[in-house]
């Protein structure tokens, strides 16, 4: 029973994350965060 509830909650959270990621203003934030993370991992600074 607990496993079923856990899956239901995880499904709801995943649906909300996908819904928010589709919004244009959030897409810009996501792209910036990814480029910042990649720049930090490579040890350099990247300007696009």
Protein backbone atom coordinates (compact mmCIF):
# COMPACT_ATOMS: atom_id res chain seq x y z
CA UNK A 1 0.00 0.00 0.00
CA UNK A 2 2.79 2.45 0.91
CA UNK A 3 4.58 1.72 -2.37
CA UNK A 4 1.48 2.56 -4.33
CA UNK A 5 1.05 5.88 -2.50
CA UNK A 6 4.74 6.70 -3.03
CA UNK A 7 4.41 6.06 -6.79
CA UNK A 8 1.28 8.21 -6.95
CA UNK A 9 3.03 11.11 -5.23
CA UNK A 10 6.13 10.75 -7.42
CA UNK A 11 3.93 10.75 -10.52
CA UNK A 12 2.21 13.95 -9.39
CA UNK A 13 5.53 15.67 -8.67
CA UNK A 14 6.96 14.61 -12.04
CA UNK A 15 3.88 15.92 -13.85
CA UNK A 16 4.21 19.29 -12.08
CA UNK A 17 7.94 19.54 -12.92
CA UNK A 18 7.27 18.82 -16.59
CA UNK A 19 4.40 21.32 -16.64
CA UNK A 20 6.62 24.05 -15.17
CA UNK A 21 9.53 23.21 -17.50
CA UNK A 22 7.31 23.86 -20.54
CA UNK A 23 6.80 27.52 -19.60
CA UNK A 24 9.02 29.87 -21.67
CA UNK A 25 10.29 31.89 -18.71
CA UNK A 26 11.35 28.70 -16.95
CA UNK A 27 13.05 27.35 -20.08
CA UNK A 28 15.37 30.37 -20.06
CA UNK A 29 16.21 29.76 -16.39
CA UNK A 30 16.87 26.08 -17.06
CA UNK A 31 19.17 26.81 -20.01
CA UNK A 32 21.13 29.36 -17.94
CA UNK A 33 21.46 26.94 -15.04
CA UNK A 34 22.72 24.18 -17.35
CA UNK A 35 25.29 26.44 -19.01
CA UNK A 36 26.47 27.70 -15.60
CA UNK A 37 26.82 24.12 -14.37
CA UNK A 38 28.75 23.06 -17.48
CA UNK A 39 31.06 26.05 -17.17
CA UNK A 40 31.71 25.23 -13.51
CA UNK A 41 32.45 21.58 -14.35
CA UNK A 42 34.87 22.46 -17.12
CA UNK A 43 36.67 24.94 -14.88
CA UNK A 44 36.36 27.80 -17.35
CA UNK A 45 33.93 30.55 -18.08
CA UNK A 46 31.86 30.37 -21.21
CA UNK A 47 30.08 33.30 -22.81
CA UNK A 48 27.46 32.64 -25.48
